[in-house]
Amino acid sequence: MILYAEEWPGVLQAVFTWTDSTDYRLRSAGFTILYSLAMYVAEKLQAQFPVLVTRFEKTLADASCPNVVKVEALRAAGSVVVCVDHLVETKPFQKLVPGFTGMIHHMLT
């Protein structure tokens, strides 16, 4: 399936809605789709980085959130950061490092 330029805003709006869902399956799906689309849309999402960081923080802080959803959030955050070239653009994501590191530590112990 090919998405045309005018269709991206609708897809991205759905992804943003799902990453904030109380349904963990939708939240996981949103992060998985964001991970998959990052190479195509990361730079266009720069204005939305603060919102994305908030969604990642919310997922990490949610004690009842399954680890698989948190891993999807980590993958999505990593894929967005890798696709953006400049340190200044990735600065909002730096505050996520302790949370993601803690999550990985918790999963491995």
N, C-alpha and C. Protein backbone atom coordinates (compact mmCIF):
# COMPACT_ATOMS: atom_id res chain seq x y z
N MET A 1 0.85 -1.18 0.00
CA MET A 1 0.00 0.00 0.00
C MET A 1 0.88 1.23 0.00
N ILE A 2 0.56 2.17 -0.84
CA ILE A 2 1.30 3.42 -0.91
C ILE A 2 0.45 4.52 -0.29
N LEU A 3 1.06 5.28 0.60
CA LEU A 3 0.37 6.43 1.18
C LEU A 3 0.83 7.69 0.48
N TYR A 4 -0.11 8.47 0.04
CA TYR A 4 0.20 9.72 -0.62
C TYR A 4 0.36 10.81 0.43
N ALA A 5 1.03 11.89 0.07
CA ALA A 5 1.36 12.96 1.02
C ALA A 5 0.15 13.45 1.80
N GLU A 6 -0.98 13.56 1.16
CA GLU A 6 -2.15 14.09 1.87
C GLU A 6 -2.73 13.08 2.87
N GLU A 7 -2.32 11.82 2.80
CA GLU A 7 -2.81 10.80 3.73
C GLU A 7 -1.98 10.69 5.00
N TRP A 8 -0.73 11.16 4.99
CA TRP A 8 0.14 11.04 6.16
C TRP A 8 -0.43 11.69 7.41
N PRO A 9 -1.00 12.90 7.33
CA PRO A 9 -1.51 13.50 8.57
C PRO A 9 -2.55 12.64 9.27
N GLY A 10 -3.43 11.99 8.52
CA GLY A 10 -4.43 11.13 9.13
C GLY A 10 -3.82 9.91 9.80
N VAL A 11 -2.85 9.32 9.14
CA VAL A 11 -2.17 8.16 9.71
C VAL A 11 -1.43 8.56 10.98
N LEU A 12 -0.70 9.66 10.91
CA LEU A 12 0.07 10.11 12.08
C LEU A 12 -0.83 10.50 13.23
N GLN A 13 -1.99 11.09 12.93
CA GLN A 13 -2.93 11.44 14.00
C GLN A 13 -3.42 10.17 14.70
N ALA A 14 -3.70 9.14 13.93
CA ALA A 14 -4.12 7.86 14.53
C ALA A 14 -3.00 7.29 15.40
N VAL A 15 -1.78 7.34 14.91
CA VAL A 15 -0.63 6.82 15.68
C VAL A 15 -0.49 7.60 16.99
N PHE A 16 -0.61 8.92 16.92
CA PHE A 16 -0.50 9.73 18.14
C PHE A 16 -1.62 9.40 19.12
N THR A 17 -2.82 9.18 18.61
CA THR A 17 -3.95 8.81 19.47
C THR A 17 -3.69 7.47 20.13
N TRP A 18 -3.21 6.50 19.37
CA TRP A 18 -2.96 5.17 19.93
C TRP A 18 -1.85 5.18 20.96
N THR A 19 -0.80 5.99 20.77
CA THR A 19 0.30 6.01 21.75
C THR A 19 -0.13 6.59 23.08
N ASP A 20 -1.30 7.20 23.12
CA ASP A 20 -1.83 7.76 24.37
C ASP A 20 -3.02 6.95 24.90
N SER A 21 -3.29 5.82 24.29
CA SER A 21 -4.45 5.02 24.65
C SER A 21 -4.28 4.34 26.01
N THR A 22 -5.39 4.13 26.69
CA THR A 22 -5.37 3.34 27.93
C THR A 22 -5.38 1.85 27.61
N ASP A 23 -5.74 1.51 26.38
CA ASP A 23 -5.69 0.12 25.92
C ASP A 23 -4.25 -0.18 25.50
N TYR A 24 -3.59 -1.06 26.24
CA TYR A 24 -2.18 -1.32 26.00
C TYR A 24 -1.91 -1.90 24.62
N ARG A 25 -2.89 -2.62 24.06
CA ARG A 25 -2.71 -3.16 22.70
C ARG A 25 -2.64 -2.04 21.68
N LEU A 26 -3.49 -1.04 21.84
CA LEU A 26 -3.45 0.11 20.92
C LEU A 26 -2.18 0.92 21.13
N ARG A 27 -1.79 1.09 22.40
CA ARG A 27 -0.57 1.85 22.68
C ARG A 27 0.63 1.15 22.05
N SER A 28 0.71 -0.16 22.21
CA SER A 28 1.80 -0.93 21.62
C SER A 28 1.77 -0.82 20.09
N ALA A 29 0.58 -0.91 19.51
CA ALA A 29 0.45 -0.78 18.05
C ALA A 29 0.91 0.59 17.58
N GLY A 30 0.55 1.63 18.31
CA GLY A 30 0.99 2.98 17.95
C GLY A 30 2.50 3.10 17.95
N PHE A 31 3.15 2.57 18.99
CA PHE A 31 4.61 2.63 19.05
C PHE A 31 5.25 1.78 17.96
N THR A 32 4.65 0.63 17.66
CA THR A 32 5.19 -0.24 16.62
C THR A 32 5.11 0.45 15.25
N ILE A 33 3.99 1.10 14.99
CA ILE A 33 3.84 1.81 13.71
C ILE A 33 4.79 2.99 13.65
N LEU A 34 4.93 3.72 14.76
CA LEU A 34 5.88 4.84 14.79
C LEU A 34 7.29 4.34 14.52
N TYR A 35 7.66 3.23 15.12
CA TYR A 35 8.96 2.62 14.87
C TYR A 35 9.14 2.33 13.38
N SER A 36 8.12 1.78 12.77
CA SER A 36 8.21 1.40 11.36
C SER A 36 8.23 2.60 10.42
N LEU A 37 7.59 3.68 10.80
CA LEU A 37 7.50 4.85 9.93
C LEU A 37 8.59 5.89 10.18
N ALA A 38 9.35 5.72 11.24
CA ALA A 38 10.29 6.78 11.66
C ALA A 38 11.20 7.24 10.53
N MET A 39 11.72 6.32 9.75
CA MET A 39 12.66 6.73 8.70
C MET A 39 12.00 7.61 7.65
N TYR A 40 10.69 7.58 7.57
CA TYR A 40 9.98 8.39 6.58
C TYR A 40 9.45 9.70 7.16
N VAL A 41 9.18 9.72 8.46
CA VAL A 41 8.47 10.87 9.02
C VAL A 41 9.19 11.57 10.18
N ALA A 42 10.32 11.04 10.64
CA ALA A 42 10.95 11.57 11.86
C ALA A 42 11.22 13.07 11.78
N GLU A 43 11.83 13.52 10.71
CA GLU A 43 12.15 14.94 10.63
C GLU A 43 10.90 15.80 10.53
N LYS A 44 9.85 15.29 9.94
CA LYS A 44 8.59 16.03 9.83
C LYS A 44 7.87 16.10 11.18
N LEU A 45 8.23 15.22 12.09
CA LEU A 45 7.60 15.18 13.41
C LEU A 45 8.32 16.04 14.44
N GLN A 46 9.35 16.72 14.04
CA GLN A 46 10.17 17.47 15.00
C GLN A 46 9.35 18.37 15.91
N ALA A 47 8.35 19.04 15.37
CA ALA A 47 7.52 19.92 16.21
C ALA A 47 6.73 19.12 17.24
N GLN A 48 6.53 17.83 16.99
CA GLN A 48 5.77 16.97 17.90
C GLN A 48 6.66 16.22 18.90
N PHE A 49 7.96 16.43 18.86
CA PHE A 49 8.86 15.71 19.76
C PHE A 49 8.46 15.86 21.23
N PRO A 50 8.12 17.07 21.71
CA PRO A 50 7.71 17.16 23.13
C PRO A 50 6.51 16.27 23.46
N VAL A 51 5.56 16.18 22.54
CA VAL A 51 4.40 15.31 22.75
C VAL A 51 4.83 13.85 22.78
N LEU A 52 5.70 13.46 21.85
CA LEU A 52 6.20 12.09 21.83
C LEU A 52 6.93 11.74 23.11
N VAL A 53 7.78 12.64 23.57
CA VAL A 53 8.53 12.38 24.80
C VAL A 53 7.56 12.19 25.97
N THR A 54 6.50 12.99 26.01
CA THR A 54 5.50 12.84 27.06
C THR A 54 4.84 11.47 27.00
N ARG A 55 4.55 11.00 25.79
CA ARG A 55 3.93 9.67 25.63
C ARG A 55 4.89 8.57 26.09
N PHE A 56 6.17 8.72 25.76
CA PHE A 56 7.15 7.73 26.20
C PHE A 56 7.27 7.75 27.73
N GLU A 57 7.34 8.94 28.32
CA GLU A 57 7.43 9.06 29.78
C GLU A 57 6.23 8.43 30.46
N LYS A 58 5.04 8.69 29.92
CA LYS A 58 3.81 8.14 30.50
C LYS A 58 3.86 6.61 30.49
N THR A 59 4.31 6.05 29.39
CA THR A 59 4.38 4.59 29.29
C THR A 59 5.39 4.02 30.28
N LEU A 60 6.55 4.66 30.40
CA LEU A 60 7.57 4.19 31.33
C LEU A 60 7.11 4.28 32.78
N ALA A 61 6.35 5.32 33.10
CA ALA A 61 5.91 5.55 34.48
C ALA A 61 4.71 4.69 34.87
N ASP A 62 4.03 4.12 33.90
CA ASP A 62 2.83 3.33 34.14
C ASP A 62 3.22 1.95 34.68
N ALA A 63 3.08 1.77 35.98
CA ALA A 63 3.50 0.52 36.62
C ALA A 63 2.70 -0.68 36.14
N SER A 64 1.48 -0.47 35.68
CA SER A 64 0.67 -1.59 35.23
C SER A 64 0.84 -1.88 33.74
N CYS A 65 1.64 -1.07 33.07
CA CYS A 65 1.86 -1.24 31.64
C CYS A 65 2.76 -2.46 31.41
N PRO A 66 2.35 -3.36 30.53
CA PRO A 66 3.19 -4.55 30.26
C PRO A 66 4.55 -4.16 29.68
N ASN A 67 5.56 -4.93 30.02
CA ASN A 67 6.91 -4.65 29.53
C ASN A 67 6.99 -4.64 28.01
N VAL A 68 6.20 -5.45 27.35
CA VAL A 68 6.25 -5.50 25.89
C VAL A 68 5.88 -4.14 25.29
N VAL A 69 4.97 -3.42 25.92
CA VAL A 69 4.60 -2.09 25.44
C VAL A 69 5.75 -1.12 25.68
N LYS A 70 6.40 -1.24 26.82
CA LYS A 70 7.54 -0.38 27.13
C LYS A 70 8.69 -0.63 26.16
N VAL A 71 8.89 -1.88 25.78
CA VAL A 71 9.93 -2.20 24.80
C VAL A 71 9.58 -1.57 23.45
N GLU A 72 8.32 -1.61 23.07
CA GLU A 72 7.91 -0.97 21.81
C GLU A 72 8.14 0.53 21.87
N ALA A 73 7.90 1.14 23.03
CA ALA A 73 8.17 2.56 23.19
C ALA A 73 9.66 2.85 23.04
N LEU A 74 10.49 2.01 23.62
CA LEU A 74 11.94 2.15 23.49
C LEU A 74 12.37 2.04 22.02
N ARG A 75 11.84 1.05 21.33
CA ARG A 75 12.16 0.89 19.90
C ARG A 75 11.76 2.12 19.10
N ALA A 76 10.54 2.63 19.37
CA ALA A 76 10.05 3.79 18.63
C ALA A 76 10.92 5.01 18.91
N ALA A 77 11.25 5.23 20.18
CA ALA A 77 12.09 6.38 20.53
C ALA A 77 13.45 6.27 19.85
N GLY A 78 14.03 5.09 19.90
CA GLY A 78 15.33 4.88 19.27
C GLY A 78 15.29 5.10 17.77
N SER A 79 14.24 4.64 17.13
CA SER A 79 14.17 4.79 15.67
C SER A 79 13.98 6.24 15.27
N VAL A 80 13.24 7.00 16.06
CA VAL A 80 13.07 8.43 15.76
C VAL A 80 14.41 9.14 15.93
N VAL A 81 15.10 8.88 17.03
CA VAL A 81 16.38 9.54 17.30
C VAL A 81 17.42 9.20 16.23
N VAL A 82 17.48 7.94 15.83
CA VAL A 82 18.45 7.53 14.81
C VAL A 82 18.18 8.23 13.47
N CYS A 83 16.93 8.50 13.18
CA CYS A 83 16.57 9.09 11.89
C CYS A 83 16.73 10.60 11.85
N VAL A 84 17.01 11.21 12.97
CA VAL A 84 17.20 12.66 13.02
C VAL A 84 18.68 12.93 13.26
N ASP A 85 19.26 13.75 12.44
CA ASP A 85 20.71 13.92 12.42
C ASP A 85 21.31 14.82 13.49
N HIS A 86 20.58 15.78 13.96
CA HIS A 86 21.20 16.83 14.77
C HIS A 86 20.92 16.65 16.26
N LEU A 87 21.94 16.84 17.05
CA LEU A 87 21.83 16.71 18.51
C LEU A 87 20.76 17.63 19.07
N VAL A 88 20.67 18.84 18.54
CA VAL A 88 19.69 19.80 19.04
C VAL A 88 18.27 19.22 18.89
N GLU A 89 18.03 18.52 17.79
CA GLU A 89 16.70 17.97 17.55
C GLU A 89 16.38 16.80 18.48
N THR A 90 17.40 16.10 18.94
CA THR A 90 17.17 14.94 19.79
C THR A 90 17.23 15.28 21.29
N LYS A 91 17.56 16.49 21.61
CA LYS A 91 17.70 16.90 23.01
C LYS A 91 16.47 16.55 23.87
N PRO A 92 15.24 16.72 23.38
CA PRO A 92 14.09 16.36 24.24
C PRO A 92 14.08 14.89 24.67
N PHE A 93 14.71 14.04 23.88
CA PHE A 93 14.70 12.61 24.17
C PHE A 93 15.72 12.22 25.24
N GLN A 94 16.68 13.09 25.53
CA GLN A 94 17.74 12.76 26.48
C GLN A 94 17.20 12.45 27.87
N LYS A 95 16.12 13.10 28.26
CA LYS A 95 15.59 12.84 29.60
C LYS A 95 14.94 11.47 29.73
N LEU A 96 14.76 10.76 28.61
CA LEU A 96 14.19 9.41 28.64
C LEU A 96 15.22 8.34 28.98
N VAL A 97 16.50 8.66 28.86
CA VAL A 97 17.55 7.66 29.03
C VAL A 97 17.47 6.95 30.39
N PRO A 98 17.36 7.66 31.51
CA PRO A 98 17.29 6.94 32.79
C PRO A 98 16.08 6.00 32.89
N GLY A 99 14.95 6.43 32.38
CA GLY A 99 13.76 5.58 32.42
C GLY A 99 13.90 4.33 31.59
N PHE A 100 14.43 4.47 30.39
CA PHE A 100 14.63 3.30 29.54
C PHE A 100 15.70 2.38 30.11
N THR A 101 16.76 2.96 30.64
CA THR A 101 17.81 2.15 31.25
C THR A 101 17.26 1.39 32.45
N GLY A 102 16.47 2.07 33.26
CA GLY A 102 15.84 1.42 34.42
C GLY A 102 14.91 0.30 34.01
N MET A 103 14.15 0.53 32.93
CA MET A 103 13.24 -0.50 32.45
C MET A 103 14.01 -1.74 32.01
N ILE A 104 15.07 -1.55 31.28
CA ILE A 104 15.88 -2.67 30.81
C ILE A 104 16.50 -3.40 32.00
N HIS A 105 17.01 -2.66 32.98
CA HIS A 105 17.59 -3.27 34.18
C HIS A 105 16.54 -4.09 34.91
N HIS A 106 15.35 -3.55 35.08
CA HIS A 106 14.28 -4.25 35.77
C HIS A 106 13.90 -5.55 35.04
N MET A 107 13.88 -5.51 33.73
CA MET A 107 13.52 -6.69 32.95
C MET A 107 14.57 -7.79 33.04
N LEU A 108 15.82 -7.39 33.21
CA LEU A 108 16.92 -8.36 33.22
C LEU A 108 17.26 -8.91 34.61
N THR A 109 16.65 -8.33 35.64
CA THR A 109 16.95 -8.82 37.00
C THR A 109 15.76 -9.53 37.63
